[in-house]
PDB file of N, CA and C in Angstrom:
ATOM      1  N   UNK A   1      50.317 145.028  85.048  1.00  0.00           N
ATOM      2  CA  UNK A   1      50.033 145.932  86.241  1.00  0.00           C
ATOM      3  C   UNK A   1      49.743 146.160  86.942  1.00  0.00           C
ATOM      4  N   UNK A   2      50.077 147.067  88.833  1.00  0.00           N
ATOM      5  CA  UNK A   2      48.714 146.916  89.481  1.00  0.00           C
ATOM      6  C   UNK A   2      48.207 147.363  89.290  1.00  0.00           C
ATOM      7  N   UNK A   3      46.350 146.932  89.634  1.00  0.00           N
ATOM      8  CA  UNK A   3      45.677 147.708  90.290  1.00  0.00           C
ATOM      9  C   UNK A   3      45.457 147.801  91.001  1.00  0.00           C
ATOM     10  N   UNK A   4      44.828 148.690  91.784  1.00  0.00           N
ATOM     11  CA  UNK A   4      44.620 149.343  93.315  1.00  0.00           C
ATOM     12  C   UNK A   4      42.776 149.650  93.283  1.00  0.00           C
ATOM     13  N   UNK A   5      42.134 148.297  94.206  1.00  0.00           N
ATOM     14  CA  UNK A   5      40.570 148.672  93.656  1.00  0.00           C
ATOM     15  C   UNK A   5      39.963 148.974  94.821  1.00  0.00           C
ATOM     16  N   UNK A   6      39.243 149.803  94.967  1.00  0.00           N
ATOM     17  CA  UNK A   6      38.204 150.979  95.945  1.00  0.00           C
ATOM     18  C   UNK A   6      37.295 150.974  96.152  1.00  0.00           C
ATOM     19  N   UNK A   7      36.452 150.094  96.705  1.00  0.00           N
ATOM     20  CA  UNK A   7      35.777 150.067  97.287  1.00  0.00           C
ATOM     21  C   UNK A   7      34.033 150.872  97.808  1.00  0.00           C
ATOM     22  N   UNK A   8      33.513 151.175  97.873  1.00  0.00           N
ATOM     23  CA  UNK A   8      32.341 152.354  98.456  1.00  0.00           C
ATOM     24  C   UNK A   8      31.214 151.816  98.493  1.00  0.00           C
ATOM     25  N   UNK A   9      30.401 152.458  99.826  1.00  0.00           N
ATOM     26  CA  UNK A   9      29.148 151.326 100.228  1.00  0.00           C
ATOM     27  C   UNK A   9      28.261 152.812 100.423  1.00  0.00           C
ATOM     28  N   UNK A  10      26.914 152.924 100.525  1.00  0.00           N
ATOM     29  CA  UNK A  10      26.222 153.558 100.871  1.00  0.00           C
ATOM     30  C   UNK A  10      26.754 153.754 102.643  1.00  0.00           C
ATOM     31  N   UNK A  11      26.029 154.883 103.300  1.00  0.00           N
ATOM     32  CA  UNK A  11      26.549 154.513 105.025  1.00  0.00           C
ATOM     33  C   UNK A  11      25.118 153.721 105.232  1.00  0.00           C
ATOM     34  N   UNK A  12      25.615 153.225 106.193  1.00  0.00           N
ATOM     35  CA  UNK A  12      24.391 151.665 106.339  1.00  0.00           C
ATOM     36  C   UNK A  12      23.413 152.364 107.475  1.00  0.00           C
ATOM     37  N   UNK A  13      23.190 153.817 107.493  1.00  0.00           N
ATOM     38  CA  UNK A  13      22.018 154.772 108.169  1.00  0.00           C
ATOM     39  C   UNK A  13      21.461 154.485 107.060  1.00  0.00           C
ATOM     40  N   UNK A  14      21.590 154.782 105.829  1.00  0.00           N
ATOM     41  CA  UNK A  14      20.952 155.669 104.825  1.00  0.00           C
ATOM     42  C   UNK A  14      20.062 154.547 104.404  1.00  0.00           C
ATOM     43  N   UNK A  15      19.220 154.586 103.660  1.00  0.00           N
ATOM     44  CA  UNK A  15      18.147 154.086 102.617  1.00  0.00           C
ATOM     45  C   UNK A  15      19.314 153.188 101.186  1.00  0.00           C
ATOM     46  N   UNK A  16      18.784 152.135 101.016  1.00  0.00           N
ATOM     47  CA  UNK A  16      19.344 152.058  99.208  1.00  0.00           C
ATOM     48  C   UNK A  16      18.286 151.358  98.613  1.00  0.00           C
ATOM     49  N   UNK A  17      17.957 152.443  97.914  1.00  0.00           N
ATOM     50  CA  UNK A  17      16.781 152.042  96.956  1.00  0.00           C
ATOM     51  C   UNK A  17      16.913 150.851  96.010  1.00  0.00           C
ATOM     52  N   UNK A  18      18.462 150.647  95.669  1.00  0.00           N
ATOM     53  CA  UNK A  18      18.705 149.823  94.483  1.00  0.00           C
ATOM     54  C   UNK A  18      18.961 148.665  95.261  1.00  0.00           C
ATOM     55  N   UNK A  19      19.085 148.710  96.576  1.00  0.00           N
ATOM     56  CA  UNK A  19      19.488 147.683  97.155  1.00  0.00           C
ATOM     57  C   UNK A  19      17.885 146.244  97.412  1.00  0.00           C
ATOM     58  N   UNK A  20      16.799 147.067  98.062  1.00  0.00           N
ATOM     59  CA  UNK A  20      16.087 146.929  97.959  1.00  0.00           C
ATOM     60  C   UNK A  20      15.469 146.689  96.797  1.00  0.00           C
ATOM     61  N   UNK A  21      15.473 147.097  95.713  1.00  0.00           N
ATOM     62  CA  UNK A  21      14.765 146.469  94.621  1.00  0.00           C
ATOM     63  C   UNK A  21      15.176 145.736  94.248  1.00  0.00           C
ATOM     64  N   UNK A  22      16.727 145.349  94.475  1.00  0.00           N
ATOM     65  CA  UNK A  22      17.120 143.737  94.194  1.00  0.00           C
ATOM     66  C   UNK A  22      16.763 142.617  95.046  1.00  0.00           C
ATOM     67  N   UNK A  23      16.534 143.164  96.770  1.00  0.00           N
ATOM     68  CA  UNK A  23      16.397 142.182  97.323  1.00  0.00           C
ATOM     69  C   UNK A  23      14.687 141.686  97.405  1.00  0.00           C
ATOM     70  N   UNK A  24      13.402 142.790  96.147  1.00  0.00           N
ATOM     71  CA  UNK A  24      12.355 142.553  96.375  1.00  0.00           C
ATOM     72  C   UNK A  24      12.808 141.789  95.135  1.00  0.00           C
ATOM     73  N   UNK A  25      13.764 141.792  93.703  1.00  0.00           N
ATOM     74  CA  UNK A  25      13.469 140.680  92.777  1.00  0.00           C
ATOM     75  C   UNK A  25      13.846 139.360  93.436  1.00  0.00           C
ATOM     76  N   UNK A  26      14.773 139.115  94.666  1.00  0.00           N
ATOM     77  CA  UNK A  26      14.944 138.244  95.122  1.00  0.00           C
ATOM     78  C   UNK A  26      13.710 137.103  95.676  1.00  0.00           C
ATOM     79  N   UNK A  27      13.127 138.209  96.137  1.00  0.00           N
ATOM     80  CA  UNK A  27      11.827 137.970  97.378  1.00  0.00           C
ATOM     81  C   UNK A  27      10.587 136.864  96.223  1.00  0.00           C
ATOM     82  N   UNK A  28      10.691 137.780  95.149  1.00  0.00           N
ATOM     83  CA  UNK A  28       9.609 137.295  94.144  1.00  0.00           C
ATOM     84  C   UNK A  28      10.527 135.758  93.258  1.00  0.00           C
ATOM     85  N   UNK A  29      11.760 135.930  92.919  1.00  0.00           N
ATOM     86  CA  UNK A  29      11.974 134.432  92.702  1.00  0.00           C
ATOM     87  C   UNK A  29      12.301 133.673  93.158  1.00  0.00           C
ATOM     88  N   UNK A  30      12.102 133.815  93.949  1.00  0.00           N
ATOM     89  CA  UNK A  30      11.976 132.621  95.517  1.00  0.00           C
ATOM     90  C   UNK A  30      13.327 132.416  96.220  1.00  0.00           C
ATOM     91  N   UNK A  31      14.359 133.327  95.713  1.00  0.00           N
ATOM     92  CA  UNK A  31      15.512 133.012  96.459  1.00  0.00           C
ATOM     93  C   UNK A  31      14.979 133.493  98.521  1.00  0.00           C
ATOM     94  N   UNK A  32      15.616 132.992  98.886  1.00  0.00           N
ATOM     95  CA  UNK A  32      15.175 133.569 100.134  1.00  0.00           C
ATOM     96  C   UNK A  32      16.259 133.468 101.070  1.00  0.00           C
ATOM     97  N   UNK A  33      17.970 132.866 100.566  1.00  0.00           N
ATOM     98  CA  UNK A  33      18.357 132.731 101.432  1.00  0.00           C
ATOM     99  C   UNK A  33      19.319 133.879 101.768  1.00  0.00           C
ATOM    100  N   UNK A  34      19.229 135.444 101.768  1.00  0.00           N
ATOM    101  CA  UNK A  34      19.451 136.785 101.958  1.00  0.00           C
ATOM    102  C   UNK A  34      18.873 137.763 102.701  1.00  0.00           C
ATOM    103  N   UNK A  35      19.348 137.862 103.785  1.00  0.00           N
ATOM    104  CA  UNK A  35      17.871 138.836 104.512  1.00  0.00           C
ATOM    105  C   UNK A  35      18.119 140.209 103.738  1.00  0.00           C
ATOM    106  N   UNK A  36      19.465 140.803 102.887  1.00  0.00           N
ATOM    107  CA  UNK A  36      19.441 141.827 102.788  1.00  0.00           C
ATOM    108  C   UNK A  36      20.144 142.317 101.884  1.00  0.00           C
ATOM    109  N   UNK A  37      20.316 143.030 100.849  1.00  0.00           N
ATOM    110  CA  UNK A  37      21.138 143.481 100.091  1.00  0.00           C
ATOM    111  C   UNK A  37      21.114 144.857  99.961  1.00  0.00           C
ATOM    112  N   UNK A  38      23.131 145.223 100.023  1.00  0.00           N
ATOM    113  CA  UNK A  38      23.180 146.944  99.336  1.00  0.00           C
ATOM    114  C   UNK A  38      24.090 146.993  98.471  1.00  0.00           C
ATOM    115  N   UNK A  39      23.962 147.657  97.852  1.00  0.00           N
ATOM    116  CA  UNK A  39      24.544 147.969  96.192  1.00  0.00           C
ATOM    117  C   UNK A  39      25.262 149.209  96.174  1.00  0.00           C
ATOM    118  N   UNK A  40      26.971 148.832  95.795  1.00  0.00           N
ATOM    119  CA  UNK A  40      27.910 149.797  95.643  1.00  0.00           C
ATOM    120  C   UNK A  40      28.561 149.806  95.033  1.00  0.00           C
ATOM    121  N   UNK A  41      30.054 150.445  94.698  1.00  0.00           N
ATOM    122  CA  UNK A  41      30.606 151.324  93.327  1.00  0.00           C
ATOM    123  C   UNK A  41      32.143 150.394  93.956  1.00  0.00           C
ATOM    124  N   UNK A  42      32.451 149.895  92.644  1.00  0.00           N
ATOM    125  CA  UNK A  42      33.782 149.303  92.318  1.00  0.00           C
ATOM    126  C   UNK A  42      34.687 150.384  91.449  1.00  0.00           C
ATOM    127  N   UNK A  43      35.882 150.776  91.728  1.00  0.00           N
ATOM    128  CA  UNK A  43      36.503 151.573  91.084  1.00  0.00           C
ATOM    129  C   UNK A  43      38.041 150.961  90.704  1.00  0.00           C
ATOM    130  N   UNK A  44      38.464 150.239  89.591  1.00  0.00           N
ATOM    131  CA  UNK A  44      39.893 149.872  89.447  1.00  0.00           C
ATOM    132  C   UNK A  44      41.123 150.998  89.196  1.00  0.00           C
ATOM    133  N   UNK A  45      41.997 151.818  89.735  1.00  0.00           N
ATOM    134  CA  UNK A  45      42.805 151.981  89.750  1.00  0.00           C
ATOM    135  C   UNK A  45      43.728 151.436  88.971  1.00  0.00           C
ATOM    136  N   UNK A  46      44.742 151.673  87.639  1.00  0.00           N
ATOM    137  CA  UNK A  46      45.459 150.743  87.344  1.00  0.00           C
ATOM    138  C   UNK A  46      46.990 151.924  87.319  1.00  0.00           C
ATOM    139  N   UNK A  47      47.732 151.363  87.584  1.00  0.00           N
ATOM    140  CA  UNK A  47      49.232 151.805  88.067  1.00  0.00           C
ATOM    141  C   UNK A  47      50.218 151.655  87.284  1.00  0.00           C
ATOM    142  N   UNK A  48      51.675 152.422  86.960  1.00  0.00           N
ATOM    143  CA  UNK A  48      52.004 152.241  86.279  1.00  0.00           C
ATOM    144  C   UNK A  48      53.527 151.773  87.099  1.00  0.00           C
ATOM    145  N   UNK A  49      53.613 150.691  87.548  1.00  0.00           N
ATOM    146  CA  UNK A  49      55.558 150.806  87.732  1.00  0.00           C
ATOM    147  C   UNK A  49      54.648 149.564  89.390  1.00  0.00           C
ATOM    148  N   UNK A  50      55.473 150.420  90.669  1.00  0.00           N
ATOM    149  CA  UNK A  50      55.123 149.768  91.775  1.00  0.00           C
ATOM    150  C   UNK A  50      54.182 150.074  92.547  1.00  0.00           C
ATOM    151  N   UNK A  51      53.775 150.111  93.581  1.00  0.00           N
ATOM    152  CA  UNK A  51      52.556 150.097  94.348  1.00  0.00           C
ATOM    153  C   UNK A  51      53.079 150.997  95.930  1.00  0.00           C
ATOM    154  N   UNK A  52      53.497 151.891  95.671  1.00  0.00           N
ATOM    155  CA  UNK A  52      54.280 152.349  97.170  1.00  0.00           C
ATOM    156  C   UNK A  52      53.234 153.064  97.854  1.00  0.00           C
ATOM    157  N   UNK A  53      54.047 152.820  99.107  1.00  0.00           N
ATOM    158  CA  UNK A  53      53.106 153.276 100.440  1.00  0.00           C
ATOM    159  C   UNK A  53      52.658 154.927  99.767  1.00  0.00           C
ATOM    160  N   UNK A  54      52.859 155.815  99.304  1.00  0.00           N
ATOM    161  CA  UNK A  54      52.760 156.978  98.787  1.00  0.00           C
ATOM    162  C   UNK A  54      51.516 157.057  97.384  1.00  0.00           C
ATOM    163  N   UNK A  55      52.253 156.128  96.429  1.00  0.00           N
ATOM    164  CA  UNK A  55      50.613 155.632  95.826  1.00  0.00           C
ATOM    165  C   UNK A  55      49.143 155.427  96.696  1.00  0.00           C
ATOM    166  N   UNK A  56      49.306 154.346  97.618  1.00  0.00           N
ATOM    167  CA  UNK A  56      48.279 153.659  98.065  1.00  0.00           C
ATOM    168  C   UNK A  56      47.685 155.331  98.672  1.00  0.00           C
ATOM    169  N   UNK A  57      48.627 156.224  99.414  1.00  0.00           N
ATOM    170  CA  UNK A  57      47.840 157.144 100.113  1.00  0.00           C
ATOM    171  C   UNK A  57      47.167 157.985  99.166  1.00  0.00           C
ATOM    172  N   UNK A  58      47.695 157.723  97.910  1.00  0.00           N
ATOM    173  CA  UNK A  58      47.142 159.184  97.253  1.00  0.00           C
ATOM    174  C   UNK A  58      45.577 158.587  96.486  1.00  0.00           C
ATOM    175  N   UNK A  59      45.948 157.227  96.562  1.00  0.00           N
ATOM    176  CA  UNK A  59      44.632 156.295  96.198  1.00  0.00           C
ATOM    177  C   UNK A  59      43.585 156.829  97.159  1.00  0.00           C
ATOM    178  N   UNK A  60      43.854 156.552  98.336  1.00  0.00           N
ATOM    179  CA  UNK A  60      42.720 156.863  99.959  1.00  0.00           C
ATOM    180  C   UNK A  60      42.494 158.086  99.896  1.00  0.00           C
ATOM    181  N   UNK A  61      43.665 159.368  99.002  1.00  0.00           N
ATOM    182  CA  UNK A  61      42.849 160.507  99.741  1.00  0.00           C
ATOM    183  C   UNK A  61      41.925 160.833  98.265  1.00  0.00           C
ATOM    184  N   UNK A  62      42.322 160.035  96.491  1.00  0.00           N
ATOM    185  CA  UNK A  62      41.322 160.221  95.609  1.00  0.00           C
ATOM    186  C   UNK A  62      39.827 159.874  95.980  1.00  0.00           C
ATOM    187  N   UNK A  63      40.649 158.163  96.850  1.00  0.00           N
ATOM    188  CA  UNK A  63      38.570 157.781  97.123  1.00  0.00           C
ATOM    189  C   UNK A  63      37.580 158.570  97.729  1.00  0.00           C
ATOM    190  N   UNK A  64      38.501 159.578  98.811  1.00  0.00           N
ATOM    191  CA  UNK A  64      37.580 160.074  99.475  1.00  0.00           C
ATOM    192  C   UNK A  64      37.286 161.345  99.147  1.00  0.00           C
ATOM    193  N   UNK A  65      38.071 161.861  98.364  1.00  0.00           N
ATOM    194  CA  UNK A  65      37.870 163.434  97.548  1.00  0.00           C
ATOM    195  C   UNK A  65      36.825 163.029  96.420  1.00  0.00           C
ATOM    196  N   UNK A  66      37.581 162.057  95.857  1.00  0.00           N
ATOM    197  CA  UNK A  66      36.819 162.178  94.483  1.00  0.00           C
ATOM    198  C   UNK A  66      35.527 161.147  93.945  1.00  0.00           C
ATOM    199  N   UNK A  67      36.198 159.724  94.525  1.00  0.00           N
ATOM    200  CA  UNK A  67      35.255 158.828  94.006  1.00  0.00           C
ATOM    201  C   UNK A  67      34.382 158.151  94.972  1.00  0.00           C
ATOM    202  N   UNK A  68      33.840 159.217  96.432  1.00  0.00           N
ATOM    203  CA  UNK A  68      32.860 158.885  97.189  1.00  0.00           C
ATOM    204  C   UNK A  68      32.159 160.363  97.361  1.00  0.00           C
ATOM    205  N   UNK A  69      30.947 160.144  98.267  1.00  0.00           N
ATOM    206  CA  UNK A  69      30.485 161.442  98.321  1.00  0.00           C
ATOM    207  C   UNK A  69      30.356 161.322 100.208  1.00  0.00           C
ATOM    208  N   UNK A  70      31.112 161.667 100.641  1.00  0.00           N
ATOM    209  CA  UNK A  70      31.211 161.812 101.944  1.00  0.00           C
ATOM    210  C   UNK A  70      29.595 161.774 103.316  1.00  0.00           C
ATOM    211  N   UNK A  71      29.190 162.365 102.351  1.00  0.00           N
ATOM    212  CA  UNK A  71      27.694 162.721 103.030  1.00  0.00           C
ATOM    213  C   UNK A  71      26.919 161.381 103.102  1.00  0.00           C
ATOM    214  N   UNK A  72      26.880 160.368 101.925  1.00  0.00           N
ATOM    215  CA  UNK A  72      26.411 159.617 101.844  1.00  0.00           C
ATOM    216  C   UNK A  72      26.803 158.102 101.809  1.00  0.00           C
ATOM    217  N   UNK A  73      28.328 158.405 101.652  1.00  0.00           N
ATOM    218  CA  UNK A  73      28.780 157.268 101.160  1.00  0.00           C
ATOM    219  C   UNK A  73      30.623 156.977 101.940  1.00  0.00           C
ATOM    220  N   UNK A  74      30.529 155.529 102.350  1.00  0.00           N
ATOM    221  CA  UNK A  74      31.741 155.290 103.248  1.00  0.00           C
ATOM    222  C   UNK A  74      32.632 154.659 102.516  1.00  0.00           C
ATOM    223  N   UNK A  75      34.073 155.006 102.216  1.00  0.00           N
ATOM    224  CA  UNK A  75      34.887 153.606 101.506  1.00  0.00           C
ATOM    225  C   UNK A  75      35.127 152.716 102.588  1.00  0.00           C
ATOM    226  N   UNK A  76      35.074 151.829 101.966  1.00  0.00           N
ATOM    227  CA  UNK A  76      35.008 150.565 103.103  1.00  0.00           C
ATOM    228  C   UNK A  76      36.395 149.507 102.334  1.00  0.00           C
ATOM    229  N   UNK A  77      37.233 150.034 101.342  1.00  0.00           N
ATOM    230  CA  UNK A  77      38.297 148.935 100.686  1.00  0.00           C
ATOM    231  C   UNK A  77      38.844 149.952  99.970  1.00  0.00           C
ATOM    232  N   UNK A  78      40.147 150.277 100.043  1.00  0.00           N
ATOM    233  CA  UNK A  78      41.311 150.393  99.245  1.00  0.00           C
ATOM    234  C   UNK A  78      42.217 149.314  99.257  1.00  0.00           C
ATOM    235  N   UNK A  79      42.259 148.215  98.036  1.00  0.00           N
ATOM    236  CA  UNK A  79      43.447 147.474  98.323  1.00  0.00           C
ATOM    237  C   UNK A  79      43.791 146.995  97.330  1.00  0.00           C
ATOM    238  N   UNK A  80      45.414 146.642  97.078  1.00  0.00           N
ATOM    239  CA  UNK A  80      45.652 145.925  95.883  1.00  0.00           C
ATOM    240  C   UNK A  80      45.712 144.659  95.240  1.00  0.00           C
ATOM    241  N   UNK A  81      45.427 144.428  93.863  1.00  0.00           N
ATOM    242  CA  UNK A  81      45.125 143.319  93.295  1.00  0.00           C
ATOM    243  C   UNK A  81      46.087 143.405  92.228  1.00  0.00           C
ATOM    244  N   UNK A  82      47.237 142.292  92.101  1.00  0.00           N
ATOM    245  CA  UNK A  82      48.170 142.203  91.201  1.00  0.00           C
ATOM    246  C   UNK A  82      47.872 141.435  89.901  1.00  0.00           C
TER     247      UNK A  82
END
């Protein structure tokens, strides 16, 4: 069965306290290869049958209206993985 993956991230202009905490942990562990960490959400929507343009449009609508909070988050990806 195909799966549609939706990725949601905090808006870039907003603080990301979880990302800051992980970034601080990296520093304490001596990990210095990364300059910033942002933490988002990933949703996997399983589809019965074929993923048509209508199904993909519905996934985008649900991502914008239900899976994300448009005030503080952006939907950054909606893609089909087989």
